C-alpha cells in the first residue's frame, strides 16, 4: 500500500498493485484497473517513486543496479 493525499488534504492508503496509470493533467491522476480515478496532491514523480518502493518492499521488483553487480561477484 502507498500513502496518498487527496486534494482536500485527507490521506489514504492505496494498493499499488491495482494502479494502471499515473498522469498529470496538471493535477496528478491515478487510474486503477477497475477504472476508478483519484486526483492526488503528490506529483507524478513522487507517486511513481512510492509505487517503486512498494514493489521493492514486497520483492516484486529487484533493488536495481546494486543487486545486478552483487550477482556478478
N, C-alpha and C. Protein backbone atom coordinates (compact mmCIF):
# COMPACT_ATOMS: atom_id res chain seq x y z
N UNK A 1 0.84 -1.18 0.00
CA UNK A 1 0.00 0.00 0.00
C UNK A 1 0.89 1.24 0.00
N UNK A 2 0.40 2.28 -0.69
CA UNK A 2 1.11 3.55 -0.68
C UNK A 2 0.24 4.60 -0.01
N UNK A 3 0.88 5.52 0.68
CA UNK A 3 0.19 6.58 1.41
C UNK A 3 0.04 7.77 0.47
N UNK A 4 -1.20 8.22 0.23
CA UNK A 4 -1.52 9.25 -0.75
C UNK A 4 -2.37 10.33 -0.09
N UNK A 5 -2.30 11.56 -0.63
CA UNK A 5 -3.09 12.68 -0.11
C UNK A 5 -4.04 13.19 -1.19
N UNK A 6 -5.32 13.25 -0.85
CA UNK A 6 -6.30 13.83 -1.77
C UNK A 6 -6.10 15.34 -1.81
N UNK A 7 -6.68 16.00 -2.80
CA UNK A 7 -6.53 17.45 -2.92
C UNK A 7 -7.13 18.19 -1.73
N UNK A 8 -8.11 17.59 -1.05
CA UNK A 8 -8.72 18.23 0.12
C UNK A 8 -7.90 18.04 1.39
N UNK A 9 -6.74 17.37 1.29
CA UNK A 9 -5.85 17.19 2.42
C UNK A 9 -6.02 15.88 3.17
N UNK A 10 -7.06 15.12 2.87
CA UNK A 10 -7.27 13.83 3.54
C UNK A 10 -6.32 12.81 2.95
N UNK A 11 -5.77 11.98 3.83
CA UNK A 11 -4.84 10.95 3.38
C UNK A 11 -5.51 9.59 3.38
N UNK A 12 -4.99 8.71 2.56
CA UNK A 12 -5.50 7.34 2.50
C UNK A 12 -4.40 6.43 1.95
N UNK A 13 -4.62 5.14 2.06
CA UNK A 13 -3.69 4.15 1.52
C UNK A 13 -4.32 3.51 0.30
N UNK A 14 -3.50 3.31 -0.72
CA UNK A 14 -3.97 2.76 -1.99
C UNK A 14 -3.10 1.55 -2.33
N UNK A 15 -3.73 0.46 -2.72
CA UNK A 15 -2.99 -0.73 -3.12
C UNK A 15 -2.36 -0.48 -4.49
N UNK A 16 -1.05 -0.35 -4.51
CA UNK A 16 -0.33 -0.02 -5.74
C UNK A 16 -0.43 -1.11 -6.80
N UNK A 17 -0.79 -2.31 -6.42
CA UNK A 17 -0.91 -3.40 -7.39
C UNK A 17 -2.07 -3.17 -8.37
N UNK A 18 -3.03 -2.33 -7.98
CA UNK A 18 -4.20 -2.08 -8.82
C UNK A 18 -4.08 -0.82 -9.67
N UNK A 19 -2.92 -0.15 -9.61
CA UNK A 19 -2.74 1.08 -10.38
C UNK A 19 -2.42 0.73 -11.83
N UNK A 20 -3.19 1.33 -12.73
CA UNK A 20 -2.95 1.13 -14.17
C UNK A 20 -2.13 2.27 -14.74
N UNK A 21 -2.51 3.53 -14.43
CA UNK A 21 -1.78 4.68 -14.93
C UNK A 21 -1.67 5.77 -13.87
N UNK A 22 -0.61 6.57 -14.02
CA UNK A 22 -0.42 7.78 -13.21
C UNK A 22 -0.10 8.88 -14.22
N UNK A 23 -0.94 9.94 -14.24
CA UNK A 23 -0.79 11.01 -15.22
C UNK A 23 -0.93 12.37 -14.54
N UNK A 24 -0.40 13.40 -15.21
CA UNK A 24 -0.56 14.77 -14.74
C UNK A 24 -1.40 15.53 -15.75
N UNK A 25 -2.45 16.21 -15.27
CA UNK A 25 -3.39 16.91 -16.17
C UNK A 25 -3.59 18.38 -15.87
N UNK A 26 -3.10 19.21 -15.12
CA UNK A 26 -1.81 19.16 -14.44
C UNK A 26 -1.86 18.48 -13.08
N UNK A 27 -3.07 18.28 -12.49
CA UNK A 27 -3.13 17.55 -11.22
C UNK A 27 -2.82 16.08 -11.48
N UNK A 28 -2.17 15.46 -10.52
CA UNK A 28 -1.81 14.04 -10.66
C UNK A 28 -3.06 13.19 -10.51
N UNK A 29 -3.32 12.37 -11.51
CA UNK A 29 -4.49 11.49 -11.52
C UNK A 29 -4.02 10.04 -11.58
N UNK A 30 -4.50 9.25 -10.63
CA UNK A 30 -4.19 7.82 -10.59
C UNK A 30 -5.42 7.08 -11.06
N UNK A 31 -5.25 6.23 -12.07
CA UNK A 31 -6.36 5.40 -12.57
C UNK A 31 -6.09 3.95 -12.20
N UNK A 32 -7.08 3.33 -11.57
CA UNK A 32 -6.96 1.92 -11.19
C UNK A 32 -7.45 1.03 -12.31
N UNK A 33 -7.17 -0.25 -12.21
CA UNK A 33 -7.57 -1.22 -13.24
C UNK A 33 -9.08 -1.31 -13.41
N UNK A 34 -9.84 -0.97 -12.35
CA UNK A 34 -11.30 -1.03 -12.45
C UNK A 34 -11.89 0.27 -13.00
N UNK A 35 -11.03 1.23 -13.38
CA UNK A 35 -11.49 2.48 -13.97
C UNK A 35 -11.66 3.62 -12.98
N UNK A 36 -11.61 3.34 -11.70
CA UNK A 36 -11.76 4.39 -10.69
C UNK A 36 -10.55 5.32 -10.73
N UNK A 37 -10.81 6.62 -10.58
CA UNK A 37 -9.73 7.61 -10.65
C UNK A 37 -9.63 8.37 -9.34
N UNK A 38 -8.39 8.70 -8.97
CA UNK A 38 -8.10 9.50 -7.79
C UNK A 38 -7.22 10.67 -8.22
N UNK A 39 -7.62 11.88 -7.86
CA UNK A 39 -6.80 13.06 -8.09
C UNK A 39 -6.10 13.35 -6.77
N UNK A 40 -4.77 13.40 -6.81
CA UNK A 40 -3.99 13.49 -5.58
C UNK A 40 -3.06 14.69 -5.59
N UNK A 41 -2.60 15.06 -4.39
CA UNK A 41 -1.74 16.23 -4.21
C UNK A 41 -0.29 15.95 -4.60
N UNK A 42 0.16 14.71 -4.49
CA UNK A 42 1.54 14.37 -4.80
C UNK A 42 1.82 14.52 -6.30
N UNK A 43 3.08 14.77 -6.62
CA UNK A 43 3.48 14.86 -8.02
C UNK A 43 3.50 13.46 -8.64
N UNK A 44 3.44 13.43 -9.96
CA UNK A 44 3.51 12.15 -10.68
C UNK A 44 4.81 11.42 -10.34
N UNK A 45 5.90 12.15 -10.27
CA UNK A 45 7.19 11.55 -9.95
C UNK A 45 7.19 10.94 -8.55
N UNK A 46 6.63 11.66 -7.57
CA UNK A 46 6.59 11.14 -6.19
C UNK A 46 5.72 9.89 -6.11
N UNK A 47 4.59 9.88 -6.80
CA UNK A 47 3.72 8.69 -6.82
C UNK A 47 4.48 7.51 -7.42
N UNK A 48 5.18 7.74 -8.52
CA UNK A 48 5.95 6.67 -9.15
C UNK A 48 7.04 6.14 -8.22
N UNK A 49 7.70 7.03 -7.47
CA UNK A 49 8.71 6.60 -6.51
C UNK A 49 8.09 5.75 -5.40
N UNK A 50 6.91 6.15 -4.92
CA UNK A 50 6.22 5.38 -3.88
C UNK A 50 5.83 4.00 -4.40
N UNK A 51 5.37 3.94 -5.63
CA UNK A 51 5.00 2.65 -6.24
C UNK A 51 6.23 1.75 -6.33
N UNK A 52 7.34 2.30 -6.83
CA UNK A 52 8.57 1.52 -6.96
C UNK A 52 9.04 1.01 -5.60
N UNK A 53 9.00 1.87 -4.59
CA UNK A 53 9.41 1.48 -3.24
C UNK A 53 8.51 0.37 -2.71
N UNK A 54 7.19 0.48 -2.97
CA UNK A 54 6.26 -0.56 -2.54
C UNK A 54 6.56 -1.88 -3.23
N UNK A 55 6.76 -1.85 -4.56
CA UNK A 55 7.06 -3.08 -5.29
C UNK A 55 8.34 -3.73 -4.75
N UNK A 56 9.34 -2.92 -4.45
CA UNK A 56 10.58 -3.46 -3.90
C UNK A 56 10.36 -4.05 -2.51
N UNK A 57 9.49 -3.43 -1.71
CA UNK A 57 9.25 -3.92 -0.35
C UNK A 57 8.56 -5.28 -0.34
N UNK A 58 7.78 -5.57 -1.38
CA UNK A 58 7.14 -6.88 -1.46
C UNK A 58 7.90 -7.82 -2.40
N UNK A 59 9.10 -7.38 -2.79
CA UNK A 59 10.01 -8.15 -3.64
C UNK A 59 9.41 -8.49 -5.00
N UNK A 60 8.59 -7.57 -5.51
CA UNK A 60 8.04 -7.74 -6.85
C UNK A 60 9.06 -7.27 -7.89
N UNK A 61 9.87 -6.28 -7.51
CA UNK A 61 10.96 -5.78 -8.35
C UNK A 61 12.26 -5.89 -7.57
N UNK A 62 13.36 -6.02 -8.29
CA UNK A 62 14.66 -6.04 -7.64
C UNK A 62 15.02 -4.67 -7.12
N UNK A 63 16.20 -4.58 -6.56
CA UNK A 63 16.67 -3.32 -5.98
C UNK A 63 17.60 -2.59 -6.93
N UNK A 64 17.52 -2.85 -8.24
CA UNK A 64 18.27 -2.07 -9.22
C UNK A 64 19.69 -2.55 -9.43
N UNK A 65 20.57 -1.60 -9.76
CA UNK A 65 21.94 -1.87 -10.16
C UNK A 65 22.74 -2.61 -9.09
N UNK A 66 22.54 -2.28 -7.83
CA UNK A 66 23.32 -2.90 -6.78
C UNK A 66 23.12 -4.41 -6.77
N UNK A 67 21.89 -4.84 -6.97
CA UNK A 67 21.60 -6.27 -6.99
C UNK A 67 22.30 -6.94 -8.17
N UNK A 68 22.29 -6.30 -9.34
CA UNK A 68 22.93 -6.86 -10.53
C UNK A 68 24.44 -7.01 -10.33
N UNK A 69 25.09 -6.00 -9.73
CA UNK A 69 26.53 -6.06 -9.54
C UNK A 69 26.91 -7.11 -8.49
N UNK A 70 26.05 -7.32 -7.49
CA UNK A 70 26.30 -8.33 -6.47
C UNK A 70 26.27 -9.74 -7.07
N UNK A 71 25.39 -9.96 -8.06
CA UNK A 71 25.28 -11.27 -8.67
C UNK A 71 26.50 -11.62 -9.49
N UNK A 72 27.22 -10.63 -10.03
CA UNK A 72 28.38 -10.88 -10.89
C UNK A 72 29.60 -11.28 -10.09
N UNK A 73 29.61 -11.02 -8.77
CA UNK A 73 30.78 -11.32 -7.93
C UNK A 73 30.91 -12.79 -7.66
